[in-house]
Amino acid sequence: MTTLFRHLPAVDQCLAALAADSSRPDEGPRPVLQGLPRPLIKDLVNEFLDLVREEIRAGVYTDEAQLTLAALSPRLLAFVRRGARPRFRRVLNATGVVVHTNMGRSLLAPEAVAAVAEAAAHYSNLEFDLATGERGSRYSHVEALLCRLTGAEAALVVNNNAAAVLIVLDTLCKGREVIVSRGQLVEIGGSFRIPEVMAKSGAVLREVGATNRTHLRDYEAAIGSETAALMKVHTSNFRQVGFVKEVPLSELKTLAATFGLPVIEDLGSGSLLRLDVDGLPGEPTAGESIAAGADVVSFSGDKVLGGPQAGIIVGRRDFIERIKKNPLNRALRIDKMTLAALEATLRLYLDPELAKGRVPTLAMMTRPLSSLRAQAARLAGLLKKRLPACLDGRLGVSVRPGASRVGGGAFPEADLPTALVALTPLGSAGLNPGLSVDGLRQALLSTDPPLVARVEDGALCLDPRTLDAAEHPLVLGALRQALGDD
């Protein structure tokens, strides 16, 4: 065994071999290795050689010829290519969850993608007033659009909706009470809860009503000298049904006006368009909240709206101006790329039908079932024709009915009808005893790019709602890698 260690190639020899392989004239450049920092490649080579040493100790190798550079090179290259992949990278979303929180939420419209690229590659007028040649405000690029789309007097954008709620409460309610219905004390992603965000803002939570029923008289009885605002939190990520009651925003506004108090509404996922006409449940839009009398409304930019991560605040000018001057605004402000993407997305909303066609989130949510069935049939046909595991009887492919989800804490009760491509290992017939549904799902997480699917009724299911037709060849490639057919 000791002599086998001596036959391992040196690190410099491995580096030289990789450099030669990355620019072979017969195959062209290898983009995974080309341009990588030498220290990164050197670290990966050392990791590989350490792995081989462990294998020698385990008795994997018995002949020195197995340890030559020529013999190890294919594994070495694969190891380095795999290790050199960025940690943050693209995945194929076949889950059918449109606004998938763990996979980056909403995809940007092509116009927004182009705007981000332009902002990233060039200098811009981020805080430069081209009319005066003096310093300007970064919020001016989207404020007028937001006011036009919601009917608000003024607007501000911070880095997410939790930040929006935080800065609104810190500005308008710090040290005083905010009255909220017990049935609206929601928990959002990552276990953050409205009471916790409120506590961080310095505002004091005053709960009223019962979990399932809150009346206008409950708010009125709670109003006192320490009351700073009435707050309504839209339960966008869950629903109460049965013996329930909540106070409409318009009635809350009438009560608040009697006492000279503002009404704050947190819409959560938020929306700029009515989507019930497209078969989704009715959700209040930001414009409807403003029209009903809310003084300040906050909502997310990266969920149902389909833009970049952002917390949008709209409402009365005097309140928004106070929020803008809060020192927290500096810590919570959005960057130039977010602004570029948000402006491009909001411009599409000026024409609702254009937005539904160009904003991927809206397009996926409202996609007709007939279109999904056709795409599922095309994908299934491609796999049956081009995937060796299907051709030799190791994997069955079929199309079955199913349901997608909006995700992102929006429309929690809405199942979107879809057509699923179901992949079923045929091990039960003795043709492929080593292949399982869970094993296939796990193997697909290591492909390039990874393919994330869901297991349902004994099959691995691919939902075309969240897979673009242009991604079908990538799905085929991922399955080939996972099944060892590549």
Protein backbone atom coordinates (compact mmCIF):
# COMPACT_ATOMS: atom_id res chain seq x y z
CA MET A 1 0.00 0.00 0.00
CA THR A 2 2.84 2.40 0.86
CA THR A 3 4.29 2.10 -2.61
CA LEU A 4 0.94 2.96 -4.17
CA PHE A 5 1.00 6.39 -2.52
CA ARG A 6 4.28 7.15 -4.30
CA HIS A 7 2.66 6.73 -7.69
CA LEU A 8 0.09 9.47 -7.19
CA PRO A 9 0.67 12.37 -9.62
CA ALA A 10 1.97 15.65 -8.18
CA VAL A 11 -0.34 18.62 -7.80
CA ASP A 12 1.56 20.58 -10.46
CA GLN A 13 1.20 17.70 -12.91
CA CYS A 14 -2.56 17.64 -12.31
CA LEU A 15 -2.81 21.41 -12.79
CA ALA A 16 -0.88 21.22 -16.05
CA ALA A 17 -3.12 18.42 -17.31
CA LEU A 18 -6.25 20.38 -16.46
CA ALA A 19 -4.89 23.49 -18.19
CA ALA A 20 -4.20 21.48 -21.32
CA ASP A 21 -7.61 19.81 -21.21
CA SER A 22 -9.44 23.11 -20.81
CA SER A 23 -8.29 24.37 -24.22
CA ARG A 24 -8.04 21.24 -26.37
CA PRO A 25 -8.32 22.31 -30.02
CA ASP A 26 -10.41 19.27 -30.93
CA GLU A 27 -13.14 20.06 -28.41
CA GLY A 28 -12.91 23.80 -27.91
CA PRO A 29 -12.72 25.59 -24.55
CA ARG A 30 -14.20 24.12 -21.39
CA PRO A 31 -16.20 27.00 -19.91
CA VAL A 32 -16.38 25.40 -16.46
CA LEU A 33 -12.59 25.54 -16.06
CA GLN A 34 -11.69 28.43 -18.32
CA GLY A 35 -11.08 31.64 -16.38
CA LEU A 36 -11.29 30.03 -12.94
CA PRO A 37 -8.86 31.32 -10.30
CA ARG A 38 -5.82 29.05 -10.04
CA PRO A 39 -6.06 28.85 -6.20
CA LEU A 40 -9.60 27.43 -6.51
CA ILE A 41 -8.49 24.75 -8.98
CA LYS A 42 -5.46 23.93 -6.82
CA ASP A 43 -7.68 23.45 -3.75
CA LEU A 44 -9.95 21.11 -5.71
CA VAL A 45 -6.96 19.09 -6.99
CA ASN A 46 -5.72 18.67 -3.42
CA GLU A 47 -9.20 17.56 -2.32
CA PHE A 48 -9.27 15.02 -5.13
CA LEU A 49 -5.85 13.61 -4.25
CA ASP A 50 -6.89 13.36 -0.59
CA LEU A 51 -9.94 11.39 -1.71
CA VAL A 52 -7.76 9.01 -3.74
CA ARG A 53 -5.47 8.53 -0.71
CA GLU A 54 -8.49 7.51 1.36
CA GLU A 55 -9.45 5.06 -1.38
CA ILE A 56 -5.94 3.58 -1.34
CA ARG A 57 -6.23 3.04 2.40
CA ALA A 58 -9.59 1.37 1.85
CA GLY A 59 -8.08 -1.04 -0.66
CA VAL A 60 -9.83 0.35 -3.74
CA TYR A 61 -6.60 0.34 -5.76
CA THR A 62 -4.36 -2.69 -6.18
CA ASP A 63 -2.21 -1.71 -9.16
CA GLU A 64 0.04 1.33 -9.62
CA ALA A 65 -1.19 1.64 -13.21
CA GLN A 66 -4.57 2.69 -11.80
CA LEU A 67 -2.93 5.74 -10.23
CA THR A 68 -1.22 7.26 -13.24
CA LEU A 69 -2.25 10.72 -14.32
CA ALA A 70 -3.74 9.29 -17.50
CA ALA A 71 -5.86 6.84 -15.53
CA LEU A 72 -7.05 9.42 -12.99
CA SER A 73 -7.59 12.30 -15.39
CA PRO A 74 -11.27 11.62 -16.30
CA ARG A 75 -12.24 11.45 -12.62
CA LEU A 76 -10.06 14.42 -11.78
CA LEU A 77 -11.66 16.57 -14.47
CA ALA A 78 -15.18 15.56 -13.39
CA PHE A 79 -14.33 16.26 -9.74
CA VAL A 80 -12.92 19.70 -10.52
CA ARG A 81 -15.77 20.61 -12.85
CA ARG A 82 -18.28 19.60 -10.19
CA GLY A 83 -16.47 21.43 -7.40
CA ALA A 84 -15.96 24.57 -9.48
CA ARG A 85 -19.66 25.14 -10.04
CA PRO A 86 -20.97 28.30 -8.36
CA ARG A 87 -22.82 27.67 -5.12
CA PHE A 88 -25.61 29.97 -6.27
CA ARG A 89 -26.83 28.69 -9.61
CA ARG A 90 -29.74 27.96 -11.86
CA VAL A 91 -32.17 25.12 -11.18
CA LEU A 92 -35.04 23.70 -13.22
CA ASN A 93 -38.32 24.13 -11.34
CA ALA A 94 -40.65 21.27 -12.19
CA THR A 95 -42.63 21.50 -8.93
CA GLY A 96 -45.48 23.58 -10.33
CA VAL A 97 -45.06 26.13 -7.51
CA VAL A 98 -44.93 29.43 -9.41
CA VAL A 99 -43.59 31.76 -6.71
CA HIS A 100 -41.23 29.26 -5.10
CA THR A 101 -39.67 30.96 -2.07
CA ASN A 102 -36.73 28.53 -1.91
CA MET A 103 -35.94 28.86 -5.60
CA GLY A 104 -35.86 32.62 -5.97
CA ARG A 105 -39.58 33.44 -6.09
CA SER A 106 -40.70 35.30 -9.21
CA LEU A 107 -38.90 35.19 -12.53
CA LEU A 108 -38.35 38.59 -14.12
CA ALA A 109 -39.86 39.72 -17.38
CA PRO A 110 -37.42 40.01 -20.32
CA GLU A 111 -37.68 43.79 -20.08
CA ALA A 112 -36.67 43.66 -16.41
CA VAL A 113 -33.77 41.30 -17.14
CA ALA A 114 -32.47 43.69 -19.81
CA ALA A 115 -32.83 46.65 -17.44
CA VAL A 116 -30.82 44.85 -14.75
CA ALA A 117 -28.06 44.02 -17.23
CA GLU A 118 -27.93 47.65 -18.35
CA ALA A 119 -27.78 48.91 -14.76
CA ALA A 120 -25.08 46.42 -13.81
CA ALA A 121 -22.82 47.09 -16.79
CA HIS A 122 -22.94 50.88 -16.98
CA TYR A 123 -23.08 54.03 -14.89
CA SER A 124 -26.60 55.36 -14.38
CA ASN A 125 -28.61 58.29 -13.07
CA LEU A 126 -29.41 56.38 -9.87
CA GLU A 127 -29.28 59.52 -7.70
CA PHE A 128 -28.47 62.08 -10.37
CA ASP A 129 -31.06 64.56 -11.65
CA LEU A 130 -30.48 64.91 -15.39
CA ALA A 131 -32.64 68.06 -15.51
CA THR A 132 -30.54 70.01 -13.03
CA GLY A 133 -27.22 68.21 -13.02
CA GLU A 134 -27.50 67.94 -9.25
CA ARG A 135 -28.06 65.09 -6.84
CA GLY A 136 -31.49 63.46 -7.20
CA SER A 137 -33.59 60.82 -5.46
CA ARG A 138 -33.41 57.14 -6.36
CA TYR A 139 -37.11 56.78 -5.56
CA SER A 140 -38.14 59.19 -8.31
CA HIS A 141 -37.60 56.45 -10.91
CA VAL A 142 -40.58 54.42 -9.66
CA GLU A 143 -42.65 56.73 -7.46
CA ALA A 144 -44.75 58.25 -10.25
CA LEU A 145 -45.45 54.79 -11.70
CA LEU A 146 -46.56 53.42 -8.34
CA CYS A 147 -48.82 56.39 -7.75
CA ARG A 148 -50.42 56.01 -11.16
CA LEU A 149 -50.96 52.26 -10.69
CA THR A 150 -52.38 52.49 -7.16
CA GLY A 151 -53.95 55.95 -6.94
CA ALA A 152 -51.70 56.83 -3.99
CA GLU A 153 -50.28 60.31 -3.41
CA ALA A 154 -46.71 59.13 -2.80
CA ALA A 155 -44.60 55.97 -2.71
CA LEU A 156 -41.38 54.53 -1.34
CA VAL A 157 -39.58 51.24 -1.96
CA VAL A 158 -37.40 49.32 0.51
CA ASN A 159 -35.74 45.92 0.29
CA ASN A 160 -38.69 43.66 1.25
CA ASN A 161 -42.15 43.82 2.76
CA ALA A 162 -41.01 42.94 6.28
CA ALA A 163 -38.72 45.98 6.06
CA ALA A 164 -41.65 48.03 4.77
CA VAL A 165 -43.79 47.12 7.79
CA LEU A 166 -40.85 47.76 10.11
CA ILE A 167 -40.09 51.27 8.83
CA VAL A 168 -43.78 52.27 8.64
CA LEU A 169 -44.37 51.30 12.26
CA ASP A 170 -41.07 52.76 13.45
CA THR A 171 -41.91 56.08 11.80
CA LEU A 172 -45.59 56.46 12.65
CA CYS A 173 -46.11 54.40 15.79
CA LYS A 174 -42.89 54.06 17.80
CA GLY A 175 -43.53 53.98 21.55
CA ARG A 176 -47.30 53.93 21.09
CA GLU A 177 -50.02 51.35 20.51
CA VAL A 178 -51.10 49.81 17.22
CA ILE A 179 -54.44 48.00 17.29
CA VAL A 180 -54.56 44.72 15.31
CA SER A 181 -57.10 41.91 15.17
CA ARG A 182 -55.93 38.66 16.78
CA GLY A 183 -56.96 36.79 13.66
CA GLN A 184 -54.42 38.79 11.62
CA LEU A 185 -51.25 38.13 13.65
CA VAL A 186 -49.70 36.17 10.80
CA GLU A 187 -46.41 34.33 10.58
CA ILE A 188 -44.49 34.90 7.36
CA GLY A 189 -41.59 32.99 5.79
CA GLY A 190 -38.67 31.99 7.99
CA SER A 191 -40.87 31.96 11.13
CA PHE A 192 -41.00 35.77 11.35
CA ARG A 193 -44.22 36.99 12.89
CA ILE A 194 -46.05 40.32 12.76
CA PRO A 195 -45.84 40.80 16.56
CA GLU A 196 -42.07 40.32 16.43
CA VAL A 197 -41.62 42.80 13.59
CA MET A 198 -43.83 45.23 15.50
CA ALA A 199 -41.76 44.81 18.66
CA LYS A 200 -38.56 45.58 16.75
CA SER A 201 -40.14 48.76 15.41
CA GLY A 202 -40.77 50.03 18.93
CA ALA A 203 -44.53 50.01 18.49
CA VAL A 204 -46.74 48.36 21.10
CA LEU A 205 -49.13 45.66 19.91
CA ARG A 206 -52.72 45.93 21.13
CA GLU A 207 -54.65 42.79 20.20
CA VAL A 208 -58.42 42.93 19.84
CA GLY A 209 -61.19 40.48 19.08
CA ALA A 210 -61.01 36.70 19.00
CA THR A 211 -58.96 34.48 16.72
CA ASN A 212 -61.89 33.93 14.37
CA ARG A 213 -64.11 36.99 14.89
CA THR A 214 -63.31 40.65 15.36
CA HIS A 215 -65.94 43.41 15.38
CA LEU A 216 -65.73 47.15 14.86
CA ARG A 217 -66.69 47.64 18.51
CA ASP A 218 -63.53 45.75 19.53
CA TYR A 219 -61.35 48.35 17.81
CA GLU A 220 -63.38 51.23 19.22
CA ALA A 221 -63.14 49.93 22.79
CA ALA A 222 -59.35 49.63 22.50
CA ILE A 223 -58.70 53.18 21.25
CA GLY A 224 -57.11 55.39 23.88
CA SER A 225 -54.63 58.18 24.41
CA GLU A 226 -51.70 55.88 23.52
CA THR A 227 -53.19 54.68 20.24
CA ALA A 228 -51.07 55.60 17.21
CA ALA A 229 -52.85 53.68 14.41
CA LEU A 230 -55.27 50.94 13.44
CA MET A 231 -53.63 48.20 11.41
CA LYS A 232 -55.10 45.62 9.09
CA VAL A 233 -52.96 42.66 8.04
CA HIS A 234 -54.20 40.76 5.02
CA THR A 235 -53.97 37.01 5.61
CA SER A 236 -52.53 36.26 2.20
CA ASN A 237 -50.85 33.02 3.27
CA PHE A 238 -53.77 31.33 5.06
CA ARG A 239 -57.57 31.38 5.18
CA GLN A 240 -60.12 31.23 7.99
CA VAL A 241 -63.45 29.65 7.09
CA GLY A 242 -66.65 28.95 8.98
CA PHE A 243 -67.78 31.16 11.86
CA VAL A 244 -65.48 34.07 11.08
CA LYS A 245 -65.71 37.85 10.82
CA GLU A 246 -63.32 40.71 10.16
CA VAL A 247 -63.93 44.41 9.81
CA PRO A 248 -63.86 45.77 6.23
CA LEU A 249 -61.18 48.37 5.57
CA SER A 250 -63.73 51.05 4.72
CA GLU A 251 -65.42 50.69 8.14
CA LEU A 252 -62.05 50.70 9.88
CA LYS A 253 -61.22 53.95 8.08
CA THR A 254 -64.47 55.61 9.17
CA LEU A 255 -63.74 54.71 12.79
CA ALA A 256 -60.11 55.85 12.57
CA ALA A 257 -61.15 59.18 11.06
CA THR A 258 -63.43 59.84 14.03
CA PHE A 259 -60.39 59.68 16.31
CA GLY A 260 -57.91 61.29 13.90
CA LEU A 261 -55.91 58.07 13.51
CA PRO A 262 -54.25 56.61 10.41
CA VAL A 263 -55.08 53.17 9.03
CA ILE A 264 -52.14 51.01 7.95
CA GLU A 265 -52.65 47.93 5.79
CA ASP A 266 -50.08 45.22 5.18
CA LEU A 267 -51.20 43.35 2.06
CA GLY A 268 -48.41 40.78 2.24
CA SER A 269 -48.01 39.30 -1.24
CA GLY A 270 -49.99 42.14 -2.73
CA SER A 271 -51.21 42.63 -6.27
CA LEU A 272 -51.80 45.42 -8.76
CA LEU A 273 -54.40 43.55 -10.84
CA ARG A 274 -57.66 41.73 -10.18
CA LEU A 275 -56.93 38.10 -10.97
CA ASP A 276 -60.32 36.59 -10.14
CA VAL A 277 -61.28 37.17 -13.79
CA ASP A 278 -58.57 34.60 -14.62
CA GLY A 279 -59.97 31.95 -12.30
CA LEU A 280 -57.98 32.82 -9.17
CA PRO A 281 -59.66 33.77 -5.88
CA GLY A 282 -60.39 37.44 -5.36
CA GLU A 283 -57.56 39.28 -3.61
CA PRO A 284 -57.55 42.99 -2.73
CA THR A 285 -55.27 45.10 -4.89
CA ALA A 286 -53.13 47.93 -3.59
CA GLY A 287 -55.30 50.37 -5.54
CA GLU A 288 -58.46 49.05 -3.92
CA SER A 289 -56.93 49.46 -0.46
CA ILE A 290 -56.01 53.07 -1.22
CA ALA A 291 -59.52 53.70 -2.60
CA ALA A 292 -61.07 52.18 0.54
CA GLY A 293 -59.22 54.70 2.67
CA ALA A 294 -55.96 53.09 3.82
CA ASP A 295 -53.47 55.83 4.66
CA VAL A 296 -50.41 53.61 4.18
CA VAL A 297 -50.30 50.28 2.30
CA SER A 298 -47.33 47.92 2.01
CA PHE A 299 -46.82 44.83 -0.15
CA SER A 300 -44.15 42.69 -1.81
CA GLY A 301 -42.62 43.34 -5.19
CA ASP A 302 -41.35 39.81 -5.82
CA LYS A 303 -44.42 37.65 -5.26
CA VAL A 304 -47.70 38.05 -7.14
CA LEU A 305 -46.49 41.32 -8.66
CA GLY A 306 -43.71 39.34 -10.37
CA GLY A 307 -40.86 41.79 -9.94
CA PRO A 308 -37.63 41.84 -7.90
CA GLN A 309 -37.46 41.48 -4.14
CA ALA A 310 -38.80 44.74 -2.73
CA GLY A 311 -41.15 46.16 -0.15
CA ILE A 312 -43.46 48.74 -1.69
CA ILE A 313 -45.07 51.45 0.46
CA VAL A 314 -47.80 53.69 -0.97
CA GLY A 315 -50.18 56.14 0.63
CA ARG A 316 -50.71 59.68 1.84
CA ARG A 317 -47.94 62.10 0.96
CA ASP A 318 -47.40 63.44 4.48
CA PHE A 319 -46.93 59.96 5.92
CA ILE A 320 -44.69 58.75 3.09
CA GLU A 321 -42.49 61.84 3.39
CA ARG A 322 -42.02 61.14 7.09
CA ILE A 323 -41.08 57.54 6.31
CA LYS A 324 -38.56 58.65 3.69
CA LYS A 325 -36.78 60.78 6.30
CA ASN A 326 -36.45 57.92 8.79
CA PRO A 327 -32.73 57.01 9.21
CA LEU A 328 -33.74 53.35 8.82
CA ASN A 329 -34.48 54.13 5.18
CA ARG A 330 -30.74 54.28 4.51
CA ALA A 331 -30.29 50.76 5.87
CA LEU A 332 -33.32 49.34 4.06
CA ARG A 333 -33.01 51.03 0.68
CA ILE A 334 -32.92 49.07 -2.56
CA ASP A 335 -29.99 49.04 -4.99
CA LYS A 336 -29.77 50.14 -8.60
CA MET A 337 -30.45 46.68 -10.09
CA THR A 338 -33.61 46.24 -8.02
CA LEU A 339 -34.79 49.68 -9.07
CA ALA A 340 -34.09 48.93 -12.73
CA ALA A 341 -36.03 45.65 -12.57
CA LEU A 342 -38.91 47.18 -10.65
CA GLU A 343 -39.33 50.12 -13.01
CA ALA A 344 -39.32 47.83 -16.05
CA THR A 345 -41.90 45.55 -14.40
CA LEU A 346 -44.19 48.39 -13.33
CA ARG A 347 -44.15 49.89 -16.84
CA LEU A 348 -45.65 46.64 -18.14
CA TYR A 349 -48.55 47.00 -15.69
CA LEU A 350 -49.64 50.17 -17.44
CA ASP A 351 -51.22 47.73 -19.91
CA PRO A 352 -52.74 44.87 -17.82
CA GLU A 353 -53.00 42.48 -20.77
CA LEU A 354 -49.38 43.15 -21.71
CA ALA A 355 -48.35 42.45 -18.11
CA LYS A 356 -50.18 39.12 -18.12
CA GLY A 357 -48.28 38.08 -21.21
CA ARG A 358 -44.81 39.44 -20.33
CA VAL A 359 -44.50 39.05 -16.55
CA PRO A 360 -43.65 35.33 -16.09
CA THR A 361 -45.45 35.01 -12.74
CA LEU A 362 -48.71 36.32 -14.17
CA ALA A 363 -48.32 34.28 -17.35
CA MET A 364 -47.73 31.05 -15.40
CA MET A 365 -50.59 31.67 -12.95
CA THR A 366 -53.10 32.37 -15.71
CA ARG A 367 -51.94 29.77 -18.25
CA PRO A 368 -54.86 27.78 -19.74
CA LEU A 369 -55.15 24.09 -18.96
CA SER A 370 -55.25 23.27 -22.69
CA SER A 371 -51.81 24.83 -23.13
CA LEU A 372 -50.41 22.90 -20.16
CA ARG A 373 -51.78 19.62 -21.52
CA ALA A 374 -50.15 20.28 -24.88
CA GLN A 375 -46.80 21.10 -23.28
CA ALA A 376 -46.95 18.01 -21.06
CA ALA A 377 -47.62 15.85 -24.10
CA ARG A 378 -44.64 17.38 -25.93
CA LEU A 379 -42.31 16.81 -22.98
CA ALA A 380 -43.51 13.24 -22.49
CA GLY A 381 -43.03 12.57 -26.20
CA LEU A 382 -39.50 13.95 -26.10
CA LEU A 383 -38.54 11.75 -23.16
CA LYS A 384 -40.05 8.62 -24.68
CA LYS A 385 -38.18 9.25 -27.93
CA ARG A 386 -34.81 10.44 -26.64
CA LEU A 387 -34.29 9.00 -23.15
CA PRO A 388 -32.56 5.57 -23.19
CA ALA A 389 -34.15 4.60 -19.86
CA CYS A 390 -37.57 4.89 -21.51
CA LEU A 391 -36.50 3.10 -24.66
CA ASP A 392 -35.12 0.07 -22.79
CA GLY A 393 -38.09 -0.19 -20.41
CA ARG A 394 -36.48 1.06 -17.20
CA LEU A 395 -38.67 4.17 -16.85
CA GLY A 396 -42.31 4.68 -17.68
CA VAL A 397 -43.61 8.06 -18.86
CA SER A 398 -47.24 9.14 -18.79
CA VAL A 399 -49.37 12.28 -18.56
CA ARG A 400 -51.84 12.63 -15.72
CA PRO A 401 -54.03 15.42 -14.27
CA GLY A 402 -52.71 17.34 -11.29
CA ALA A 403 -52.63 20.67 -9.49
CA SER A 404 -50.13 23.54 -9.31
CA ARG A 405 -49.77 26.19 -6.62
CA VAL A 406 -49.11 29.92 -6.75
CA GLY A 407 -46.78 29.77 -3.73
CA GLY A 408 -45.03 32.67 -2.02
CA GLY A 409 -47.75 32.94 0.60
CA ALA A 410 -50.38 33.88 -2.01
CA PHE A 411 -53.73 32.25 -2.83
CA PRO A 412 -53.18 29.46 -0.25
CA GLU A 413 -56.45 27.68 -1.03
CA ALA A 414 -56.15 27.85 -4.83
CA ASP A 415 -55.32 24.67 -6.73
CA LEU A 416 -54.45 25.48 -10.34
CA PRO A 417 -55.42 22.60 -12.66
CA THR A 418 -52.48 21.27 -14.63
CA ALA A 419 -51.17 18.24 -16.52
CA LEU A 420 -48.22 16.36 -15.02
CA VAL A 421 -45.54 14.29 -16.73
CA ALA A 422 -45.25 11.26 -14.43
CA LEU A 423 -41.99 9.27 -14.39
CA THR A 424 -42.37 5.77 -12.95
CA PRO A 425 -39.40 3.43 -12.42
CA LEU A 426 -40.37 -0.04 -13.60
CA GLY A 427 -38.40 -1.93 -10.97
CA SER A 428 -41.50 -3.82 -9.86
CA ALA A 429 -41.39 -5.67 -13.16
CA GLY A 430 -37.84 -6.83 -12.44
CA LEU A 431 -36.41 -4.64 -15.17
CA ASN A 432 -34.77 -2.06 -12.96
CA PRO A 433 -34.70 -3.15 -9.30
CA GLY A 434 -32.07 -0.54 -8.34
CA LEU A 435 -34.10 2.51 -9.41
CA SER A 436 -36.62 4.14 -7.08
CA VAL A 437 -38.72 7.30 -7.25
CA ASP A 438 -36.98 8.84 -4.24
CA GLY A 439 -33.58 7.81 -5.57
CA LEU A 440 -34.33 9.45 -8.91
CA ARG A 441 -35.54 12.63 -7.21
CA GLN A 442 -32.36 12.79 -5.15
CA ALA A 443 -30.10 12.07 -8.13
CA LEU A 444 -31.70 14.92 -10.08
CA LEU A 445 -30.58 17.38 -7.39
CA SER A 446 -26.96 16.70 -8.41
CA THR A 447 -27.34 17.15 -12.15
CA ASP A 448 -26.20 20.18 -14.11
CA PRO A 449 -28.48 22.06 -13.90
CA PRO A 450 -30.34 20.43 -10.99
CA LEU A 451 -33.94 19.44 -11.67
CA VAL A 452 -36.38 19.82 -8.75
CA ALA A 453 -39.58 17.80 -9.05
CA ARG A 454 -42.20 16.39 -6.69
CA VAL A 455 -43.17 12.84 -5.76
CA GLU A 456 -46.87 12.07 -6.08
CA ASP A 457 -48.71 8.75 -6.06
CA GLY A 458 -45.62 6.64 -6.65
CA ALA A 459 -44.20 8.72 -9.50
CA LEU A 460 -41.80 11.61 -9.96
CA CYS A 461 -43.96 14.37 -11.45
CA LEU A 462 -42.87 17.24 -13.67
CA ASP A 463 -45.28 20.18 -13.88
CA PRO A 464 -45.03 22.13 -17.17
CA ARG A 465 -46.53 25.23 -15.56
CA THR A 466 -43.10 26.16 -14.18
CA LEU A 467 -41.01 24.67 -17.00
CA ASP A 468 -40.55 26.74 -20.13
CA ALA A 469 -40.69 24.77 -23.38
CA ALA A 470 -37.13 25.95 -24.08
CA GLU A 471 -36.06 24.04 -20.94
CA HIS A 472 -37.26 20.65 -22.22
CA PRO A 473 -33.81 19.71 -23.63
CA LEU A 474 -32.31 20.57 -20.22
CA VAL A 475 -34.85 18.31 -18.53
CA LEU A 476 -33.85 15.52 -20.90
CA GLY A 477 -30.19 16.15 -20.14
CA ALA A 478 -30.74 16.14 -16.39
CA LEU A 479 -32.59 12.83 -16.54
CA ARG A 480 -29.83 11.30 -18.63
CA GLN A 481 -27.26 12.38 -16.06
CA ALA A 482 -29.33 11.10 -13.13
CA LEU A 483 -29.93 7.72 -14.81
CA GLY A 484 -26.36 7.31 -16.03
CA ASP A 485 -27.47 7.50 -19.67
CA ASP A 486 -25.47 10.63 -20.49
